[in-house]
Amino acid sequence: MKQPYTRKGGRQISEIANGMIDPVLAKRAGINTLLLGSWDEIAGEDFADCTRPEKIAWPRRASEMTGEGGYQPGVLTIACEGARALFLTHAQGELIQRINGFFGFPAINQMRIVQKPVSAPPKPYRKPRPLTGERARHLETLVDGIENDALKAALTRLGTAVLAPGKKSP
């Protein structure tokens, strides 16, 4: 399937990346990048920050064995953090309706909730090295007239980060 080109003949990187990632996600997890990208709107503000869709398990097709047609909805596995899983369990009927509304057909009939961390732990904050020489004197003259000690300390921290070695000086 050929991707549509923009006016100048180029494509967006997101289109190329989604074209490469979607088949892998569909094969391994049964979901696509459109579902992952729209998850915040689907889950709503109550669950957007603590949940993530993991995979959709589609049942084996009985039609392949019996020769009859028919569609069977799948089971969506959702990762949820800690105690919020209980609240998600109570709201799963509404969430299943939203997901099916997103797909446009009854794709999901059941949810399986797995408790595990959803977001990556934040990177530790690295403190900048103290300034020396001309930069330290320049920063001292900039914050010299400030009377509030807390504000002066905050601006000194900010100035240290901005004027740190490796950055262009003013």
N, C-alpha and C. Protein backbone atom coordinates (compact mmCIF):
# COMPACT_ATOMS: atom_id res chain seq x y z
N MET A 1 0.84 -1.17 0.00
CA MET A 1 0.00 0.00 0.00
C MET A 1 0.88 1.23 0.00
N LYS A 2 0.67 2.10 -0.94
CA LYS A 2 1.50 3.28 -1.09
C LYS A 2 0.97 4.40 -0.20
N GLN A 3 1.89 5.07 0.51
CA GLN A 3 1.52 6.17 1.40
C GLN A 3 1.28 7.43 0.59
N PRO A 4 0.29 8.24 0.98
CA PRO A 4 0.06 9.50 0.26
C PRO A 4 1.20 10.48 0.53
N TYR A 5 1.56 11.21 -0.50
CA TYR A 5 2.64 12.18 -0.40
C TYR A 5 2.06 13.57 -0.15
N THR A 6 2.84 14.41 0.50
CA THR A 6 2.42 15.79 0.69
C THR A 6 2.72 16.58 -0.57
N ARG A 7 2.44 17.85 -0.53
CA ARG A 7 2.61 18.71 -1.69
C ARG A 7 4.01 18.68 -2.27
N LYS A 8 5.00 18.65 -1.42
CA LYS A 8 6.38 18.72 -1.89
C LYS A 8 6.98 17.34 -2.16
N GLY A 9 6.20 16.29 -2.00
CA GLY A 9 6.70 14.96 -2.32
C GLY A 9 7.30 14.23 -1.13
N GLY A 10 7.20 14.78 0.08
CA GLY A 10 7.76 14.12 1.26
C GLY A 10 6.66 13.56 2.15
N ARG A 11 7.10 12.75 3.09
CA ARG A 11 6.16 12.19 4.07
C ARG A 11 6.63 12.54 5.46
N GLN A 12 5.70 12.56 6.38
CA GLN A 12 6.05 12.81 7.77
C GLN A 12 6.70 11.57 8.35
N ILE A 13 7.61 11.80 9.30
CA ILE A 13 8.30 10.67 9.93
C ILE A 13 7.30 9.80 10.70
N SER A 14 6.29 10.43 11.29
CA SER A 14 5.30 9.65 12.05
C SER A 14 4.57 8.67 11.14
N GLU A 15 4.29 9.06 9.89
CA GLU A 15 3.63 8.14 8.97
C GLU A 15 4.53 6.96 8.64
N ILE A 16 5.81 7.23 8.44
CA ILE A 16 6.75 6.16 8.12
C ILE A 16 6.93 5.24 9.32
N ALA A 17 7.08 5.82 10.52
CA ALA A 17 7.28 5.03 11.73
C ALA A 17 6.04 4.19 12.03
N ASN A 18 4.85 4.77 11.91
CA ASN A 18 3.63 4.01 12.16
C ASN A 18 3.48 2.89 11.14
N GLY A 19 3.88 3.14 9.92
CA GLY A 19 3.81 2.10 8.90
C GLY A 19 4.71 0.92 9.21
N MET A 20 5.83 1.18 9.88
CA MET A 20 6.74 0.09 10.25
C MET A 20 6.35 -0.57 11.56
N ILE A 21 5.84 0.22 12.52
CA ILE A 21 5.54 -0.30 13.85
C ILE A 21 4.19 -1.02 13.89
N ASP A 22 3.19 -0.52 13.17
CA ASP A 22 1.85 -1.11 13.22
C ASP A 22 1.82 -2.61 12.92
N PRO A 23 2.49 -3.09 11.86
CA PRO A 23 2.45 -4.54 11.62
C PRO A 23 3.05 -5.36 12.76
N VAL A 24 4.11 -4.84 13.38
CA VAL A 24 4.73 -5.56 14.50
C VAL A 24 3.79 -5.58 15.69
N LEU A 25 3.19 -4.43 16.02
CA LEU A 25 2.24 -4.39 17.14
C LEU A 25 1.03 -5.27 16.87
N ALA A 26 0.54 -5.24 15.65
CA ALA A 26 -0.63 -6.05 15.32
C ALA A 26 -0.33 -7.53 15.47
N LYS A 27 0.86 -7.94 15.06
CA LYS A 27 1.21 -9.35 15.14
C LYS A 27 1.47 -9.81 16.57
N ARG A 28 2.20 -8.98 17.34
CA ARG A 28 2.59 -9.39 18.68
C ARG A 28 1.56 -9.05 19.74
N ALA A 29 0.86 -7.92 19.62
CA ALA A 29 -0.04 -7.49 20.69
C ALA A 29 -1.48 -7.31 20.23
N GLY A 30 -1.74 -7.33 18.93
CA GLY A 30 -3.10 -7.17 18.44
C GLY A 30 -3.61 -5.74 18.51
N ILE A 31 -2.73 -4.76 18.75
CA ILE A 31 -3.15 -3.36 18.81
C ILE A 31 -2.35 -2.55 17.79
N ASN A 32 -2.72 -1.29 17.64
CA ASN A 32 -1.99 -0.43 16.71
C ASN A 32 -1.60 0.88 17.37
N THR A 33 -0.79 1.66 16.70
CA THR A 33 -0.30 2.91 17.28
C THR A 33 -1.41 3.94 17.41
N LEU A 34 -2.45 3.83 16.61
CA LEU A 34 -3.57 4.76 16.73
C LEU A 34 -4.27 4.58 18.07
N LEU A 35 -4.44 3.34 18.52
CA LEU A 35 -5.03 3.09 19.84
C LEU A 35 -4.12 3.61 20.95
N LEU A 36 -2.83 3.36 20.83
CA LEU A 36 -1.89 3.85 21.84
C LEU A 36 -1.85 5.38 21.88
N GLY A 37 -1.88 6.00 20.73
CA GLY A 37 -1.84 7.46 20.66
C GLY A 37 -3.11 8.11 21.16
N SER A 38 -4.22 7.43 21.04
CA SER A 38 -5.51 7.98 21.46
C SER A 38 -5.92 7.51 22.85
N TRP A 39 -5.04 6.79 23.53
CA TRP A 39 -5.42 6.19 24.81
C TRP A 39 -5.82 7.23 25.86
N ASP A 40 -5.18 8.37 25.87
CA ASP A 40 -5.52 9.41 26.86
C ASP A 40 -6.97 9.86 26.71
N GLU A 41 -7.44 10.01 25.47
CA GLU A 41 -8.82 10.42 25.25
C GLU A 41 -9.79 9.28 25.54
N ILE A 42 -9.40 8.07 25.22
CA ILE A 42 -10.27 6.92 25.44
C ILE A 42 -10.43 6.65 26.93
N ALA A 43 -9.32 6.61 27.66
CA ALA A 43 -9.35 6.29 29.08
C ALA A 43 -9.92 7.42 29.92
N GLY A 44 -9.83 8.64 29.44
CA GLY A 44 -10.33 9.78 30.19
C GLY A 44 -9.30 10.25 31.20
N GLU A 45 -9.58 11.39 31.82
CA GLU A 45 -8.61 11.98 32.73
C GLU A 45 -8.42 11.17 34.00
N ASP A 46 -9.40 10.33 34.36
CA ASP A 46 -9.26 9.52 35.57
C ASP A 46 -8.21 8.43 35.44
N PHE A 47 -8.09 7.85 34.24
CA PHE A 47 -7.22 6.69 34.08
C PHE A 47 -6.09 6.87 33.06
N ALA A 48 -6.00 8.02 32.42
CA ALA A 48 -4.99 8.22 31.38
C ALA A 48 -3.58 8.13 31.92
N ASP A 49 -3.34 8.63 33.12
CA ASP A 49 -1.99 8.67 33.66
C ASP A 49 -1.56 7.38 34.34
N CYS A 50 -2.51 6.48 34.64
CA CYS A 50 -2.15 5.28 35.40
C CYS A 50 -2.41 3.99 34.64
N THR A 51 -2.85 4.06 33.39
CA THR A 51 -3.13 2.85 32.62
C THR A 51 -2.44 2.91 31.26
N ARG A 52 -2.30 1.72 30.67
CA ARG A 52 -1.73 1.60 29.33
C ARG A 52 -2.23 0.29 28.72
N PRO A 53 -2.73 0.31 27.48
CA PRO A 53 -3.15 -0.95 26.86
C PRO A 53 -1.93 -1.79 26.53
N GLU A 54 -1.99 -3.06 26.88
CA GLU A 54 -0.86 -3.96 26.64
C GLU A 54 -1.06 -4.77 25.36
N LYS A 55 -2.18 -5.47 25.29
CA LYS A 55 -2.43 -6.29 24.10
C LYS A 55 -3.90 -6.66 24.02
N ILE A 56 -4.31 -7.09 22.86
CA ILE A 56 -5.65 -7.61 22.65
C ILE A 56 -5.50 -9.07 22.25
N ALA A 57 -6.11 -9.94 23.03
CA ALA A 57 -6.08 -11.37 22.72
C ALA A 57 -7.36 -11.71 21.96
N TRP A 58 -7.19 -12.02 20.70
CA TRP A 58 -8.32 -12.38 19.86
C TRP A 58 -8.54 -13.89 19.99
N PRO A 59 -9.78 -14.35 20.15
CA PRO A 59 -10.01 -15.79 20.26
C PRO A 59 -9.77 -16.48 18.92
N ARG A 60 -9.42 -17.76 19.02
CA ARG A 60 -9.24 -18.52 17.78
C ARG A 60 -10.56 -18.58 17.05
N ARG A 61 -10.48 -18.51 15.77
CA ARG A 61 -11.71 -18.46 14.97
C ARG A 61 -12.29 -19.85 14.84
N ALA A 62 -13.49 -19.98 15.32
CA ALA A 62 -14.20 -21.24 15.18
C ALA A 62 -14.62 -21.45 13.73
N SER A 63 -14.73 -20.37 12.96
CA SER A 63 -15.16 -20.46 11.57
C SER A 63 -14.13 -21.19 10.71
N GLU A 64 -12.84 -21.12 11.09
CA GLU A 64 -11.82 -21.80 10.31
C GLU A 64 -11.97 -23.31 10.43
N MET A 65 -12.42 -23.74 11.60
CA MET A 65 -12.56 -25.19 11.81
C MET A 65 -13.92 -25.70 11.35
N THR A 66 -14.97 -24.91 11.59
CA THR A 66 -16.30 -25.39 11.26
C THR A 66 -16.80 -24.91 9.91
N GLY A 67 -16.18 -23.88 9.36
CA GLY A 67 -16.61 -23.36 8.07
C GLY A 67 -17.70 -22.33 8.19
N GLU A 68 -18.14 -21.99 9.41
CA GLU A 68 -19.18 -20.97 9.60
C GLU A 68 -18.54 -19.60 9.74
N GLY A 69 -19.26 -18.58 9.34
CA GLY A 69 -18.77 -17.22 9.50
C GLY A 69 -19.12 -16.68 10.88
N GLY A 70 -18.54 -15.57 11.22
CA GLY A 70 -18.86 -14.95 12.51
C GLY A 70 -17.64 -14.27 13.09
N TYR A 71 -17.93 -13.32 13.95
CA TYR A 71 -16.86 -12.56 14.56
C TYR A 71 -16.97 -12.70 16.07
N GLN A 72 -15.83 -12.84 16.73
CA GLN A 72 -15.81 -12.90 18.18
C GLN A 72 -14.91 -11.78 18.70
N PRO A 73 -15.42 -10.97 19.64
CA PRO A 73 -14.58 -9.90 20.18
C PRO A 73 -13.46 -10.44 21.05
N GLY A 74 -12.45 -9.60 21.29
CA GLY A 74 -11.27 -10.03 22.02
C GLY A 74 -11.25 -9.56 23.47
N VAL A 75 -10.14 -9.88 24.14
CA VAL A 75 -9.91 -9.51 25.53
C VAL A 75 -8.74 -8.52 25.55
N LEU A 76 -8.98 -7.33 26.09
CA LEU A 76 -7.95 -6.31 26.17
C LEU A 76 -7.24 -6.41 27.51
N THR A 77 -5.92 -6.52 27.47
CA THR A 77 -5.11 -6.51 28.69
C THR A 77 -4.62 -5.10 28.92
N ILE A 78 -4.89 -4.57 30.12
CA ILE A 78 -4.51 -3.21 30.47
C ILE A 78 -3.59 -3.24 31.68
N ALA A 79 -2.46 -2.57 31.58
CA ALA A 79 -1.57 -2.40 32.72
C ALA A 79 -2.07 -1.22 33.53
N CYS A 80 -2.15 -1.40 34.85
CA CYS A 80 -2.65 -0.35 35.73
C CYS A 80 -1.78 -0.28 36.97
N GLU A 81 -1.56 0.92 37.46
CA GLU A 81 -0.71 1.11 38.63
C GLU A 81 -1.51 0.94 39.91
N GLY A 82 -0.99 0.13 40.81
CA GLY A 82 -1.43 0.02 42.19
C GLY A 82 -2.92 -0.07 42.43
N ALA A 83 -3.36 0.72 43.41
CA ALA A 83 -4.74 0.64 43.88
C ALA A 83 -5.75 1.19 42.88
N ARG A 84 -5.29 1.88 41.87
CA ARG A 84 -6.22 2.41 40.86
C ARG A 84 -6.88 1.29 40.07
N ALA A 85 -6.30 0.09 40.13
CA ALA A 85 -6.89 -1.05 39.43
C ALA A 85 -8.29 -1.35 39.94
N LEU A 86 -8.54 -1.14 41.22
CA LEU A 86 -9.87 -1.36 41.77
C LEU A 86 -10.89 -0.42 41.15
N PHE A 87 -10.52 0.85 41.02
CA PHE A 87 -11.42 1.82 40.40
C PHE A 87 -11.61 1.52 38.92
N LEU A 88 -10.56 1.05 38.27
CA LEU A 88 -10.66 0.68 36.86
C LEU A 88 -11.61 -0.51 36.69
N THR A 89 -11.58 -1.44 37.63
CA THR A 89 -12.48 -2.59 37.58
C THR A 89 -13.94 -2.14 37.61
N HIS A 90 -14.22 -1.15 38.44
CA HIS A 90 -15.59 -0.65 38.54
C HIS A 90 -16.02 0.13 37.29
N ALA A 91 -15.08 0.71 36.60
CA ALA A 91 -15.40 1.51 35.41
C ALA A 91 -15.16 0.75 34.11
N GLN A 92 -14.94 -0.56 34.17
CA GLN A 92 -14.56 -1.26 32.96
C GLN A 92 -15.68 -1.34 31.93
N GLY A 93 -16.92 -1.36 32.34
CA GLY A 93 -18.03 -1.37 31.37
C GLY A 93 -18.02 -0.13 30.50
N GLU A 94 -17.84 1.02 31.13
CA GLU A 94 -17.80 2.28 30.38
C GLU A 94 -16.57 2.34 29.49
N LEU A 95 -15.43 1.86 29.99
CA LEU A 95 -14.20 1.88 29.20
C LEU A 95 -14.31 0.95 27.98
N ILE A 96 -14.93 -0.20 28.15
CA ILE A 96 -15.13 -1.11 27.02
C ILE A 96 -16.01 -0.45 25.96
N GLN A 97 -17.04 0.28 26.38
CA GLN A 97 -17.88 1.00 25.43
C GLN A 97 -17.09 2.06 24.67
N ARG A 98 -16.21 2.77 25.37
CA ARG A 98 -15.39 3.79 24.72
C ARG A 98 -14.44 3.17 23.71
N ILE A 99 -13.84 2.05 24.07
CA ILE A 99 -12.91 1.37 23.17
C ILE A 99 -13.64 0.87 21.93
N ASN A 100 -14.80 0.27 22.12
CA ASN A 100 -15.58 -0.21 20.98
C ASN A 100 -16.06 0.96 20.12
N GLY A 101 -16.36 2.09 20.75
CA GLY A 101 -16.71 3.29 19.99
C GLY A 101 -15.53 3.80 19.18
N PHE A 102 -14.34 3.67 19.72
CA PHE A 102 -13.13 4.07 19.01
C PHE A 102 -12.92 3.20 17.78
N PHE A 103 -13.07 1.88 17.95
CA PHE A 103 -12.89 0.98 16.82
C PHE A 103 -14.04 1.04 15.83
N GLY A 104 -15.24 1.38 16.30
CA GLY A 104 -16.39 1.45 15.43
C GLY A 104 -17.15 0.13 15.30
N PHE A 105 -16.76 -0.86 16.06
CA PHE A 105 -17.45 -2.14 16.09
C PHE A 105 -17.13 -2.80 17.44
N PRO A 106 -17.88 -3.80 17.85
CA PRO A 106 -17.62 -4.43 19.16
C PRO A 106 -16.34 -5.28 19.14
N ALA A 107 -15.20 -4.62 19.27
CA ALA A 107 -13.91 -5.30 19.20
C ALA A 107 -13.55 -5.97 20.52
N ILE A 108 -13.99 -5.40 21.63
CA ILE A 108 -13.62 -5.87 22.96
C ILE A 108 -14.88 -6.23 23.73
N ASN A 109 -14.86 -7.39 24.39
CA ASN A 109 -15.99 -7.73 25.25
C ASN A 109 -15.56 -7.93 26.70
N GLN A 110 -14.26 -7.93 26.94
CA GLN A 110 -13.75 -8.19 28.28
C GLN A 110 -12.40 -7.49 28.46
N MET A 111 -12.12 -7.11 29.72
CA MET A 111 -10.84 -6.51 30.03
C MET A 111 -10.14 -7.35 31.09
N ARG A 112 -8.84 -7.46 30.93
CA ARG A 112 -8.01 -8.10 31.95
C ARG A 112 -7.06 -7.04 32.47
N ILE A 113 -7.05 -6.83 33.78
CA ILE A 113 -6.24 -5.78 34.38
C ILE A 113 -5.03 -6.40 35.04
N VAL A 114 -3.86 -5.89 34.71
CA VAL A 114 -2.59 -6.36 35.27
C VAL A 114 -1.99 -5.20 36.05
N GLN A 115 -1.68 -5.44 37.32
CA GLN A 115 -1.07 -4.39 38.13
C GLN A 115 0.43 -4.37 37.93
N LYS A 116 0.92 -3.26 37.39
CA LYS A 116 2.35 -3.05 37.23
C LYS A 116 2.60 -1.59 36.91
N PRO A 117 3.83 -1.13 37.09
CA PRO A 117 4.11 0.29 36.82
C PRO A 117 3.88 0.63 35.35
N VAL A 118 3.27 1.77 35.12
CA VAL A 118 2.95 2.19 33.76
C VAL A 118 3.99 3.16 33.23
N SER A 119 4.35 4.14 34.02
CA SER A 119 5.30 5.14 33.56
C SER A 119 6.71 4.78 34.00
N ALA A 120 7.66 5.19 33.20
CA ALA A 120 9.06 4.94 33.55
C ALA A 120 9.43 5.81 34.75
N PRO A 121 10.27 5.30 35.64
CA PRO A 121 10.66 6.12 36.78
C PRO A 121 11.43 7.36 36.30
N PRO A 122 11.23 8.50 36.97
CA PRO A 122 11.91 9.71 36.52
C PRO A 122 13.42 9.59 36.68
N LYS A 123 14.13 10.22 35.76
CA LYS A 123 15.59 10.20 35.83
C LYS A 123 16.03 11.05 37.02
N PRO A 124 17.08 10.61 37.70
CA PRO A 124 17.53 11.41 38.84
C PRO A 124 18.05 12.78 38.39
N TYR A 125 17.77 13.76 39.20
CA TYR A 125 18.18 15.13 38.91
C TYR A 125 19.67 15.26 39.14
N ARG A 126 20.38 15.76 38.15
CA ARG A 126 21.81 15.96 38.27
C ARG A 126 22.08 17.43 38.61
N LYS A 127 22.72 17.65 39.73
CA LYS A 127 23.01 18.99 40.19
C LYS A 127 24.15 19.60 39.36
N PRO A 128 23.99 20.85 38.90
CA PRO A 128 25.08 21.46 38.12
C PRO A 128 26.27 21.78 39.02
N ARG A 129 27.44 21.77 38.43
CA ARG A 129 28.65 22.11 39.17
C ARG A 129 28.64 23.59 39.53
N PRO A 130 29.24 23.94 40.67
CA PRO A 130 29.28 25.36 41.03
C PRO A 130 30.14 26.15 40.04
N LEU A 131 29.76 27.39 39.84
CA LEU A 131 30.49 28.25 38.91
C LEU A 131 31.78 28.76 39.55
N THR A 132 32.78 29.01 38.72
CA THR A 132 34.04 29.57 39.19
C THR A 132 34.46 30.70 38.26
N GLY A 133 35.33 31.55 38.76
CA GLY A 133 35.93 32.59 37.93
C GLY A 133 34.96 33.69 37.55
N GLU A 134 35.07 34.11 36.30
CA GLU A 134 34.30 35.24 35.78
C GLU A 134 32.79 34.96 35.81
N ARG A 135 32.39 33.78 35.52
CA ARG A 135 30.96 33.44 35.49
C ARG A 135 30.36 33.55 36.89
N ALA A 136 31.08 33.09 37.90
CA ALA A 136 30.58 33.19 39.27
C ALA A 136 30.45 34.66 39.69
N ARG A 137 31.41 35.48 39.35
CA ARG A 137 31.35 36.90 39.69
C ARG A 137 30.20 37.59 38.95
N HIS A 138 30.00 37.23 37.69
CA HIS A 138 28.90 37.80 36.90
C HIS A 138 27.55 37.44 37.52
N LEU A 139 27.38 36.20 37.92
CA LEU A 139 26.13 35.76 38.54
C LEU A 139 25.92 36.48 39.87
N GLU A 140 26.97 36.65 40.63
CA GLU A 140 26.88 37.34 41.93
C GLU A 140 26.42 38.78 41.75
N THR A 141 26.90 39.47 40.72
CA THR A 141 26.48 40.85 40.47
C THR A 141 25.03 40.91 40.00
N LEU A 142 24.57 39.88 39.29
CA LEU A 142 23.18 39.86 38.81
C LEU A 142 22.19 39.71 39.96
N VAL A 143 22.49 38.88 40.96
CA VAL A 143 21.54 38.61 42.05
C VAL A 143 21.85 39.44 43.29
N ASP A 144 22.80 40.36 43.21
CA ASP A 144 23.25 41.11 44.38
C ASP A 144 22.15 41.98 44.98
N GLY A 145 21.32 42.62 44.19
CA GLY A 145 20.32 43.56 44.70
C GLY A 145 19.04 42.90 45.21
N ILE A 146 18.92 41.58 45.19
CA ILE A 146 17.68 40.91 45.59
C ILE A 146 17.70 40.72 47.11
N GLU A 147 16.63 41.18 47.78
CA GLU A 147 16.58 41.14 49.24
C GLU A 147 16.02 39.82 49.77
N ASN A 148 15.06 39.23 49.08
CA ASN A 148 14.44 37.98 49.53
C ASN A 148 15.44 36.83 49.37
N ASP A 149 15.78 36.17 50.49
CA ASP A 149 16.80 35.11 50.47
C ASP A 149 16.37 33.90 49.65
N ALA A 150 15.09 33.51 49.75
CA ALA A 150 14.62 32.34 49.00
C ALA A 150 14.66 32.61 47.50
N LEU A 151 14.23 33.80 47.11
CA LEU A 151 14.26 34.17 45.69
C LEU A 151 15.70 34.26 45.19
N LYS A 152 16.57 34.81 46.01
CA LYS A 152 17.97 34.94 45.63
C LYS A 152 18.61 33.56 45.44
N ALA A 153 18.29 32.61 46.34
CA ALA A 153 18.84 31.25 46.22
C ALA A 153 18.30 30.56 44.96
N ALA A 154 17.01 30.76 44.68
CA ALA A 154 16.42 30.14 43.49
C ALA A 154 17.04 30.70 42.22
N LEU A 155 17.22 32.00 42.17
CA LEU A 155 17.83 32.61 40.99
C LEU A 155 19.30 32.24 40.85
N THR A 156 19.97 32.03 41.97
CA THR A 156 21.36 31.59 41.91
C THR A 156 21.44 30.17 41.34
N ARG A 157 20.52 29.30 41.75
CA ARG A 157 20.48 27.94 41.18
C ARG A 157 20.20 27.98 39.69
N LEU A 158 19.25 28.83 39.31
CA LEU A 158 18.91 28.97 37.88
C LEU A 158 20.10 29.52 37.10
N GLY A 159 20.72 30.55 37.63
CA GLY A 159 21.88 31.15 36.96
C GLY A 159 23.04 30.18 36.84
N THR A 160 23.23 29.34 37.87
CA THR A 160 24.29 28.33 37.81
C THR A 160 24.04 27.35 36.69
N ALA A 161 22.78 26.93 36.53
CA ALA A 161 22.45 25.99 35.46
C ALA A 161 22.59 26.64 34.09
N VAL A 162 22.21 27.91 33.98
CA VAL A 162 22.27 28.59 32.69
C VAL A 162 23.70 28.94 32.30
N LEU A 163 24.48 29.38 33.25
CA LEU A 163 25.84 29.83 32.96
C LEU A 163 26.89 28.73 33.13
N ALA A 164 26.44 27.50 33.28
CA ALA A 164 27.36 26.38 33.49
C ALA A 164 28.34 26.25 32.31
N PRO A 165 29.54 25.73 32.56
CA PRO A 165 30.50 25.54 31.47
C PRO A 165 29.89 24.70 30.35
N GLY A 166 30.22 25.06 29.14
CA GLY A 166 29.66 24.36 27.99
C GLY A 166 28.53 25.14 27.37
N LYS A 167 28.01 26.12 28.09
CA LYS A 167 26.95 26.97 27.57
C LYS A 167 27.58 28.29 27.15
N LYS A 168 26.93 28.99 26.24
CA LYS A 168 27.43 30.29 25.80
C LYS A 168 27.19 31.31 26.90
N SER A 169 28.19 32.12 27.17
CA SER A 169 28.03 33.17 28.18
C SER A 169 27.40 34.40 27.55
N PRO A 170 26.71 35.22 28.35
CA PRO A 170 26.01 36.39 27.79
C PRO A 170 26.94 37.45 27.30
